[in-house]
Amino acid sequence: SGTYTQCTPSATEAIARYMKEGETLSRDIASRYGN
């Protein structure tokens, strides 16, 4: 459990980056296929 606590900051950063990437991807798909 201690290791998990140490990894949390980088994991949160990775998740944030993934979410932002997915958001951009969703917008790109939406604009490409309408709605």
PDB file of N, CA and C in Angstrom:
ATOM      1  N   SER A   1       0.834  -1.202   0.000  1.00  0.00           N
ATOM      2  CA  SER A   1       0.000   0.000   0.000  1.00  0.00           C
ATOM      3  C   SER A   1       0.873   1.259   0.000  1.00  0.00           C
ATOM      4  N   GLY A   2       2.053   1.166   0.637  1.00  0.00           N
ATOM      5  CA  GLY A   2       2.958   2.307   0.670  1.00  0.00           C
ATOM      6  C   GLY A   2       3.469   2.644  -0.718  1.00  0.00           C
ATOM      7  N   THR A   3       3.721   1.600  -1.514  1.00  0.00           N
ATOM      8  CA  THR A   3       4.199   1.815  -2.877  1.00  0.00           C
ATOM      9  C   THR A   3       3.138   2.526  -3.691  1.00  0.00           C
ATOM     10  N   TYR A   4       1.898   2.126  -3.502  1.00  0.00           N
ATOM     11  CA  TYR A   4       0.789   2.741  -4.231  1.00  0.00           C
ATOM     12  C   TYR A   4       0.711   4.230  -3.922  1.00  0.00           C
ATOM     13  N   THR A   5       0.888   4.576  -2.645  1.00  0.00           N
ATOM     14  CA  THR A   5       0.835   5.970  -2.230  1.00  0.00           C
ATOM     15  C   THR A   5       1.937   6.767  -2.915  1.00  0.00           C
ATOM     16  N   GLN A   6       3.117   6.160  -3.069  1.00  0.00           N
ATOM     17  CA  GLN A   6       4.229   6.836  -3.731  1.00  0.00           C
ATOM     18  C   GLN A   6       3.936   7.053  -5.214  1.00  0.00           C
ATOM     19  N   CYS A   7       3.235   6.116  -5.821  1.00  0.00           N
ATOM     20  CA  CYS A   7       2.975   6.189  -7.254  1.00  0.00           C
ATOM     21  C   CYS A   7       1.837   7.143  -7.599  1.00  0.00           C
ATOM     22  N   THR A   8       1.030   7.495  -6.616  1.00  0.00           N
ATOM     23  CA  THR A   8      -0.178   8.267  -6.894  1.00  0.00           C
ATOM     24  C   THR A   8       0.054   9.551  -7.696  1.00  0.00           C
ATOM     25  N   PRO A   9       1.037  10.397  -7.351  1.00  0.00           N
ATOM     26  CA  PRO A   9       1.219  11.647  -8.104  1.00  0.00           C
ATOM     27  C   PRO A   9       1.425  11.424  -9.593  1.00  0.00           C
ATOM     28  N   SER A  10       2.308  10.501  -9.961  1.00  0.00           N
ATOM     29  CA  SER A  10       2.560  10.243 -11.376  1.00  0.00           C
ATOM     30  C   SER A  10       1.353   9.591 -12.031  1.00  0.00           C
ATOM     31  N   ALA A  11       0.653   8.762 -11.283  1.00  0.00           N
ATOM     32  CA  ALA A  11      -0.550   8.123 -11.814  1.00  0.00           C
ATOM     33  C   ALA A  11      -1.616   9.176 -12.090  1.00  0.00           C
ATOM     34  N   THR A  12      -1.775  10.110 -11.163  1.00  0.00           N
ATOM     35  CA  THR A  12      -2.749  11.191 -11.346  1.00  0.00           C
ATOM     36  C   THR A  12      -2.388  12.018 -12.569  1.00  0.00           C
ATOM     37  N   GLU A  13      -1.095  12.274 -12.745  1.00  0.00           N
ATOM     38  CA  GLU A  13      -0.630  13.055 -13.891  1.00  0.00           C
ATOM     39  C   GLU A  13      -0.921  12.311 -15.185  1.00  0.00           C
ATOM     40  N   ALA A  14      -0.667  11.007 -15.178  1.00  0.00           N
ATOM     41  CA  ALA A  14      -0.922  10.190 -16.362  1.00  0.00           C
ATOM     42  C   ALA A  14      -2.407  10.177 -16.701  1.00  0.00           C
ATOM     43  N   ILE A  15      -3.242  10.053 -15.674  1.00  0.00           N
ATOM     44  CA  ILE A  15      -4.695  10.038 -15.873  1.00  0.00           C
ATOM     45  C   ILE A  15      -5.150  11.383 -16.427  1.00  0.00           C
ATOM     46  N   ALA A  16      -4.636  12.469 -15.860  1.00  0.00           N
ATOM     47  CA  ALA A  16      -5.014  13.808 -16.320  1.00  0.00           C
ATOM     48  C   ALA A  16      -4.638  13.990 -17.784  1.00  0.00           C
ATOM     49  N   ARG A  17      -3.434  13.512 -18.136  1.00  0.00           N
ATOM     50  CA  ARG A  17      -2.974  13.637 -19.514  1.00  0.00           C
ATOM     51  C   ARG A  17      -3.852  12.803 -20.436  1.00  0.00           C
ATOM     52  N   TYR A  18      -4.208  11.595 -19.967  1.00  0.00           N
ATOM     53  CA  TYR A  18      -5.046  10.698 -20.757  1.00  0.00           C
ATOM     54  C   TYR A  18      -6.436  11.295 -20.970  1.00  0.00           C
ATOM     55  N   MET A  19      -6.972  11.891 -19.909  1.00  0.00           N
ATOM     56  CA  MET A  19      -8.305  12.500 -19.985  1.00  0.00           C
ATOM     57  C   MET A  19      -8.290  13.660 -20.974  1.00  0.00           C
ATOM     58  N   LYS A  20      -7.256  14.494 -20.893  1.00  0.00           N
ATOM     59  CA  LYS A  20      -7.150  15.645 -21.784  1.00  0.00           C
ATOM     60  C   LYS A  20      -7.016  15.170 -23.221  1.00  0.00           C
ATOM     61  N   GLU A  21      -6.228  14.116 -23.426  1.00  0.00           N
ATOM     62  CA  GLU A  21      -6.042  13.553 -24.753  1.00  0.00           C
ATOM     63  C   GLU A  21      -7.365  13.001 -25.273  1.00  0.00           C
ATOM     64  N   GLY A  22      -8.081  12.294 -24.419  1.00  0.00           N
ATOM     65  CA  GLY A  22      -9.368  11.725 -24.806  1.00  0.00           C
ATOM     66  C   GLY A  22     -10.382  12.808 -25.130  1.00  0.00           C
ATOM     67  N   GLU A  23     -10.308  13.908 -24.380  1.00  0.00           N
ATOM     68  CA  GLU A  23     -11.221  15.025 -24.615  1.00  0.00           C
ATOM     69  C   GLU A  23     -10.980  15.604 -26.005  1.00  0.00           C
ATOM     70  N   THR A  24      -9.713  15.779 -26.353  1.00  0.00           N
ATOM     71  CA  THR A  24      -9.358  16.307 -27.673  1.00  0.00           C
ATOM     72  C   THR A  24      -9.798  15.335 -28.751  1.00  0.00           C
ATOM     73  N   LEU A  25      -9.588  14.060 -28.502  1.00  0.00           N
ATOM     74  CA  LEU A  25      -9.957  13.022 -29.457  1.00  0.00           C
ATOM     75  C   LEU A  25     -11.466  13.018 -29.677  1.00  0.00           C
ATOM     76  N   SER A  26     -12.223  13.118 -28.585  1.00  0.00           N
ATOM     77  CA  SER A  26     -13.685  13.123 -28.677  1.00  0.00           C
ATOM     78  C   SER A  26     -14.170  14.308 -29.497  1.00  0.00           C
ATOM     79  N   ARG A  27     -13.565  15.473 -29.268  1.00  0.00           N
ATOM     80  CA  ARG A  27     -13.960  16.670 -29.990  1.00  0.00           C
ATOM     81  C   ARG A  27     -13.639  16.513 -31.472  1.00  0.00           C
ATOM     82  N   ASP A  28     -12.496  15.911 -31.767  1.00  0.00           N
ATOM     83  CA  ASP A  28     -12.081  15.703 -33.149  1.00  0.00           C
ATOM     84  C   ASP A  28     -13.059  14.780 -33.858  1.00  0.00           C
ATOM     85  N   ILE A  29     -13.424  13.690 -33.194  1.00  0.00           N
ATOM     86  CA  ILE A  29     -14.377  12.731 -33.765  1.00  0.00           C
ATOM     87  C   ILE A  29     -15.743  13.395 -33.937  1.00  0.00           C
ATOM     88  N   ALA A  30     -16.162  14.152 -32.942  1.00  0.00           N
ATOM     89  CA  ALA A  30     -17.469  14.817 -32.995  1.00  0.00           C
ATOM     90  C   ALA A  30     -17.539  15.789 -34.165  1.00  0.00           C
ATOM     91  N   SER A  31     -16.486  16.557 -34.364  1.00  0.00           N
ATOM     92  CA  SER A  31     -16.494  17.537 -35.457  1.00  0.00           C
ATOM     93  C   SER A  31     -16.404  16.841 -36.810  1.00  0.00           C
ATOM     94  N   ARG A  32     -15.760  15.677 -36.829  1.00  0.00           N
ATOM     95  CA  ARG A  32     -15.586  14.956 -38.083  1.00  0.00           C
ATOM     96  C   ARG A  32     -16.876  14.267 -38.515  1.00  0.00           C
ATOM     97  N   TYR A  33     -17.593  13.686 -37.543  1.00  0.00           N
ATOM     98  CA  TYR A  33     -18.794  12.917 -37.874  1.00  0.00           C
ATOM     99  C   TYR A  33     -20.090  13.661 -37.559  1.00  0.00           C
ATOM    100  N   GLY A  34     -19.976  14.905 -37.152  1.00  0.00           N
ATOM    101  CA  GLY A  34     -21.165  15.699 -36.861  1.00  0.00           C
ATOM    102  C   GLY A  34     -21.769  15.354 -35.519  1.00  0.00           C
ATOM    103  N   ASN A  35     -22.052  16.395 -34.728  1.00  0.00           N
ATOM    104  CA  ASN A  35     -22.639  16.236 -33.402  1.00  0.00           C
ATOM    105  C   ASN A  35     -21.616  15.580 -32.491  1.00  0.00           C
TER     106      ASN A  35
END
